[in-house]
């Protein structure tokens, strides 16, 4: 199984529409909440990219299905089960 994740965010500050945190780094106006939010989003995306590359913090969970349950479902599909799938006689 493969998983592909893309990290992309398109956003602009209302006051400073030319500000790009990837290119500009820290915002020039330190009191602008829009620019600061864009920078924080950029930083979190960079952290997620790095963790995805290294596999750090990723876990995969598999459901443990008892062997009895798989045997019962196979028998039900084949029609050789315990009669649970048969219609009652009227």
N, C-alpha and C. Protein backbone atom coordinates (compact mmCIF):
# COMPACT_ATOMS: atom_id res chain seq x y z
N UNK A 1 0.84 -1.17 0.00
CA UNK A 1 0.00 0.00 0.00
C UNK A 1 0.90 1.24 0.00
N UNK A 2 0.55 2.20 -0.81
CA UNK A 2 1.33 3.43 -0.84
C UNK A 2 0.41 4.60 -0.50
N UNK A 3 1.00 5.62 0.03
CA UNK A 3 0.27 6.80 0.43
C UNK A 3 1.01 8.02 -0.06
N UNK A 4 0.31 8.90 -0.72
CA UNK A 4 0.93 10.12 -1.21
C UNK A 4 0.27 11.31 -0.54
N UNK A 5 1.09 12.13 0.06
CA UNK A 5 0.60 13.31 0.76
C UNK A 5 1.23 14.54 0.13
N UNK A 6 0.41 15.53 -0.13
CA UNK A 6 0.92 16.79 -0.67
C UNK A 6 0.72 17.88 0.36
N UNK A 7 1.74 18.67 0.55
CA UNK A 7 1.68 19.79 1.48
C UNK A 7 1.69 21.07 0.67
N UNK A 8 0.54 21.71 0.62
CA UNK A 8 0.47 22.95 -0.13
C UNK A 8 -0.59 23.83 0.50
N UNK A 9 -0.28 25.10 0.60
CA UNK A 9 -1.22 26.06 1.15
C UNK A 9 -1.12 27.33 0.33
N UNK A 10 -2.23 27.78 -0.18
CA UNK A 10 -2.27 29.05 -0.91
C UNK A 10 -3.06 30.06 -0.08
N UNK A 11 -2.39 31.07 0.35
CA UNK A 11 -3.04 32.10 1.15
C UNK A 11 -2.30 33.41 1.00
N UNK A 12 -3.02 34.49 1.28
CA UNK A 12 -2.41 35.83 1.20
C UNK A 12 -2.89 36.67 2.36
N UNK A 13 -2.05 37.58 2.74
CA UNK A 13 -2.40 38.54 3.76
C UNK A 13 -3.19 39.67 3.10
N UNK A 14 -4.24 40.14 3.74
CA UNK A 14 -5.02 41.24 3.16
C UNK A 14 -4.22 42.54 3.09
N UNK A 15 -3.40 42.75 4.09
CA UNK A 15 -2.63 43.99 4.16
C UNK A 15 -1.37 43.93 3.28
N UNK A 16 -0.77 42.75 3.17
CA UNK A 16 0.48 42.59 2.45
C UNK A 16 0.36 41.41 1.48
N UNK A 17 -0.35 41.58 0.37
CA UNK A 17 -0.61 40.45 -0.54
C UNK A 17 0.64 39.89 -1.22
N UNK A 18 1.73 40.63 -1.22
CA UNK A 18 2.96 40.13 -1.87
C UNK A 18 3.84 39.31 -0.93
N UNK A 19 3.48 39.25 0.35
CA UNK A 19 4.30 38.53 1.32
C UNK A 19 4.19 37.03 1.05
N UNK A 20 5.35 36.38 0.94
CA UNK A 20 5.44 34.94 0.74
C UNK A 20 6.42 34.41 1.78
N UNK A 21 5.96 33.66 2.79
CA UNK A 21 6.86 33.22 3.86
C UNK A 21 7.98 32.31 3.37
N UNK A 22 7.73 31.56 2.31
CA UNK A 22 8.77 30.67 1.78
C UNK A 22 9.92 31.47 1.20
N UNK A 23 9.61 32.56 0.55
CA UNK A 23 10.63 33.38 -0.10
C UNK A 23 11.16 34.47 0.83
N UNK A 24 10.26 35.10 1.61
CA UNK A 24 10.63 36.28 2.39
C UNK A 24 11.08 35.97 3.82
N UNK A 25 10.75 34.80 4.33
CA UNK A 25 11.11 34.49 5.71
C UNK A 25 10.19 35.18 6.69
N UNK A 26 10.76 35.78 7.72
CA UNK A 26 9.95 36.47 8.72
C UNK A 26 9.27 37.68 8.11
N UNK A 27 8.03 37.96 8.54
CA UNK A 27 7.35 39.15 8.00
C UNK A 27 8.03 40.43 8.46
N UNK A 28 8.03 41.42 7.58
CA UNK A 28 8.65 42.71 7.93
C UNK A 28 7.84 43.42 9.00
N UNK A 29 6.51 43.33 8.89
CA UNK A 29 5.64 43.95 9.88
C UNK A 29 5.32 42.91 10.95
N UNK A 30 5.98 42.99 12.08
CA UNK A 30 5.84 41.98 13.12
C UNK A 30 4.47 42.00 13.79
N UNK A 31 3.71 43.08 13.65
CA UNK A 31 2.40 43.19 14.29
C UNK A 31 1.25 42.78 13.37
N UNK A 32 1.55 42.30 12.17
CA UNK A 32 0.50 41.92 11.22
C UNK A 32 0.07 40.48 11.49
N UNK A 33 -1.18 40.27 11.93
CA UNK A 33 -1.61 38.90 12.23
C UNK A 33 -1.74 38.02 10.99
N UNK A 34 -2.06 38.61 9.85
CA UNK A 34 -2.17 37.83 8.61
C UNK A 34 -0.83 37.26 8.18
N UNK A 35 0.19 38.09 8.18
CA UNK A 35 1.53 37.64 7.79
C UNK A 35 2.06 36.61 8.78
N UNK A 36 1.81 36.85 10.06
CA UNK A 36 2.29 35.92 11.08
C UNK A 36 1.59 34.57 10.95
N UNK A 37 0.30 34.57 10.65
CA UNK A 37 -0.44 33.32 10.45
C UNK A 37 0.12 32.55 9.25
N UNK A 38 0.40 33.25 8.17
CA UNK A 38 0.98 32.60 6.99
C UNK A 38 2.32 31.97 7.33
N UNK A 39 3.12 32.67 8.12
CA UNK A 39 4.43 32.14 8.49
C UNK A 39 4.29 30.88 9.35
N UNK A 40 3.34 30.90 10.29
CA UNK A 40 3.13 29.74 11.16
C UNK A 40 2.67 28.54 10.33
N UNK A 41 1.75 28.76 9.40
CA UNK A 41 1.28 27.68 8.52
C UNK A 41 2.46 27.13 7.72
N UNK A 42 3.29 28.02 7.20
CA UNK A 42 4.46 27.59 6.43
C UNK A 42 5.40 26.74 7.30
N UNK A 43 5.63 27.14 8.54
CA UNK A 43 6.51 26.40 9.43
C UNK A 43 5.94 25.01 9.74
N UNK A 44 4.63 24.93 10.00
CA UNK A 44 4.02 23.63 10.29
C UNK A 44 4.05 22.72 9.07
N UNK A 45 3.85 23.26 7.90
CA UNK A 45 3.96 22.45 6.68
C UNK A 45 5.38 21.93 6.50
N UNK A 46 6.37 22.77 6.81
CA UNK A 46 7.77 22.33 6.69
C UNK A 46 8.07 21.21 7.68
N UNK A 47 7.54 21.31 8.90
CA UNK A 47 7.73 20.26 9.89
C UNK A 47 7.08 18.97 9.42
N UNK A 48 5.86 19.06 8.89
CA UNK A 48 5.15 17.87 8.41
C UNK A 48 5.89 17.23 7.24
N UNK A 49 6.42 18.06 6.33
CA UNK A 49 7.20 17.53 5.20
C UNK A 49 8.41 16.75 5.68
N UNK A 50 9.11 17.34 6.65
CA UNK A 50 10.32 16.70 7.19
C UNK A 50 9.98 15.37 7.86
N UNK A 51 8.91 15.35 8.66
CA UNK A 51 8.51 14.12 9.33
C UNK A 51 8.06 13.07 8.34
N UNK A 52 7.40 13.48 7.27
CA UNK A 52 6.95 12.53 6.26
C UNK A 52 8.14 11.93 5.52
N UNK A 53 9.16 12.72 5.26
CA UNK A 53 10.36 12.22 4.58
C UNK A 53 11.10 11.19 5.42
N UNK A 54 11.22 11.46 6.72
CA UNK A 54 11.97 10.57 7.60
C UNK A 54 11.12 9.45 8.17
N UNK A 55 9.80 9.59 8.09
CA UNK A 55 8.91 8.58 8.65
C UNK A 55 8.74 8.72 10.15
N UNK A 56 9.22 9.79 10.71
CA UNK A 56 9.14 10.02 12.15
C UNK A 56 7.71 10.39 12.55
N UNK A 57 7.21 9.74 13.57
CA UNK A 57 5.89 10.08 14.08
C UNK A 57 4.75 9.46 13.30
N UNK A 58 5.05 8.65 12.30
CA UNK A 58 3.99 8.00 11.53
C UNK A 58 3.79 6.60 12.07
N UNK A 59 2.55 6.24 12.25
CA UNK A 59 2.27 4.87 12.69
C UNK A 59 1.16 4.31 11.82
N UNK A 60 1.23 3.03 11.61
CA UNK A 60 0.24 2.34 10.79
C UNK A 60 -0.45 1.32 11.67
N UNK A 61 -1.76 1.37 11.69
CA UNK A 61 -2.52 0.42 12.49
C UNK A 61 -3.22 -0.56 11.57
N UNK A 62 -3.14 -1.82 11.92
CA UNK A 62 -3.82 -2.87 11.19
C UNK A 62 -4.84 -3.50 12.12
N UNK A 63 -6.02 -3.75 11.60
CA UNK A 63 -7.05 -4.40 12.40
C UNK A 63 -6.72 -5.87 12.54
N UNK A 64 -6.75 -6.36 13.75
CA UNK A 64 -6.52 -7.78 14.00
C UNK A 64 -7.86 -8.50 13.91
N UNK A 65 -8.00 -9.35 12.91
CA UNK A 65 -9.23 -10.10 12.71
C UNK A 65 -8.95 -11.54 13.13
N UNK A 66 -9.74 -12.07 14.06
CA UNK A 66 -9.52 -13.45 14.48
C UNK A 66 -9.74 -14.41 13.32
N UNK A 67 -9.02 -15.52 13.32
CA UNK A 67 -9.11 -16.51 12.25
C UNK A 67 -10.51 -17.08 12.14
N UNK A 68 -11.22 -17.21 13.26
CA UNK A 68 -12.59 -17.74 13.24
C UNK A 68 -13.51 -16.84 12.43
N UNK A 69 -13.35 -15.55 12.56
CA UNK A 69 -14.22 -14.60 11.84
C UNK A 69 -13.99 -14.70 10.34
N UNK A 70 -12.76 -14.86 9.92
CA UNK A 70 -12.50 -14.96 8.48
C UNK A 70 -13.01 -16.28 7.93
N UNK A 71 -12.92 -17.37 8.72
CA UNK A 71 -13.44 -18.65 8.27
C UNK A 71 -14.96 -18.61 8.13
N UNK A 72 -15.63 -17.95 9.07
CA UNK A 72 -17.08 -17.84 9.02
C UNK A 72 -17.52 -17.01 7.83
N UNK A 73 -16.82 -15.92 7.54
CA UNK A 73 -17.21 -15.08 6.40
C UNK A 73 -16.95 -15.81 5.09
N UNK A 74 -15.87 -16.61 5.01
CA UNK A 74 -15.61 -17.39 3.80
C UNK A 74 -16.69 -18.44 3.60
N UNK A 75 -17.10 -19.11 4.68
CA UNK A 75 -18.14 -20.14 4.58
C UNK A 75 -19.47 -19.52 4.19
N UNK A 76 -19.77 -18.33 4.69
CA UNK A 76 -21.02 -17.66 4.36
C UNK A 76 -21.05 -17.28 2.88
N UNK A 77 -19.90 -16.87 2.34
CA UNK A 77 -19.83 -16.51 0.92
C UNK A 77 -19.98 -17.73 0.04
N UNK A 78 -19.45 -18.87 0.49
CA UNK A 78 -19.53 -20.10 -0.29
C UNK A 78 -20.91 -20.75 -0.20
N UNK A 79 -21.68 -20.40 0.81
CA UNK A 79 -22.98 -21.02 1.01
C UNK A 79 -22.88 -22.30 1.81
N UNK A 80 -21.72 -22.55 2.42
CA UNK A 80 -21.53 -23.76 3.21
C UNK A 80 -21.49 -23.45 4.69
N UNK A 81 -22.11 -22.40 5.10
CA UNK A 81 -22.07 -21.99 6.50
C UNK A 81 -23.01 -22.80 7.35
N UNK A 82 -23.35 -22.27 8.50
CA UNK A 82 -24.18 -22.98 9.45
C UNK A 82 -25.67 -22.73 9.21
N UNK A 83 -26.03 -22.27 8.06
CA UNK A 83 -27.44 -22.04 7.74
C UNK A 83 -27.90 -20.64 8.08
N UNK A 84 -27.01 -19.78 8.51
CA UNK A 84 -27.40 -18.43 8.89
C UNK A 84 -27.85 -17.61 7.69
N UNK A 85 -27.35 -17.94 6.50
CA UNK A 85 -27.70 -17.17 5.33
C UNK A 85 -28.91 -17.75 4.58
N UNK A 86 -29.42 -18.87 5.03
CA UNK A 86 -30.56 -19.49 4.35
C UNK A 86 -31.85 -18.84 4.80
N UNK A 87 -32.80 -18.78 3.88
CA UNK A 87 -34.10 -18.23 4.24
C UNK A 87 -34.92 -19.30 4.92
N UNK A 88 -35.67 -18.93 5.96
CA UNK A 88 -36.46 -19.94 6.68
C UNK A 88 -37.61 -20.45 5.82
N UNK A 89 -37.93 -21.73 6.00
CA UNK A 89 -39.03 -22.34 5.25
C UNK A 89 -40.34 -21.90 5.85
N UNK A 90 -41.29 -21.58 4.99
CA UNK A 90 -42.59 -21.10 5.47
C UNK A 90 -43.63 -22.16 5.40
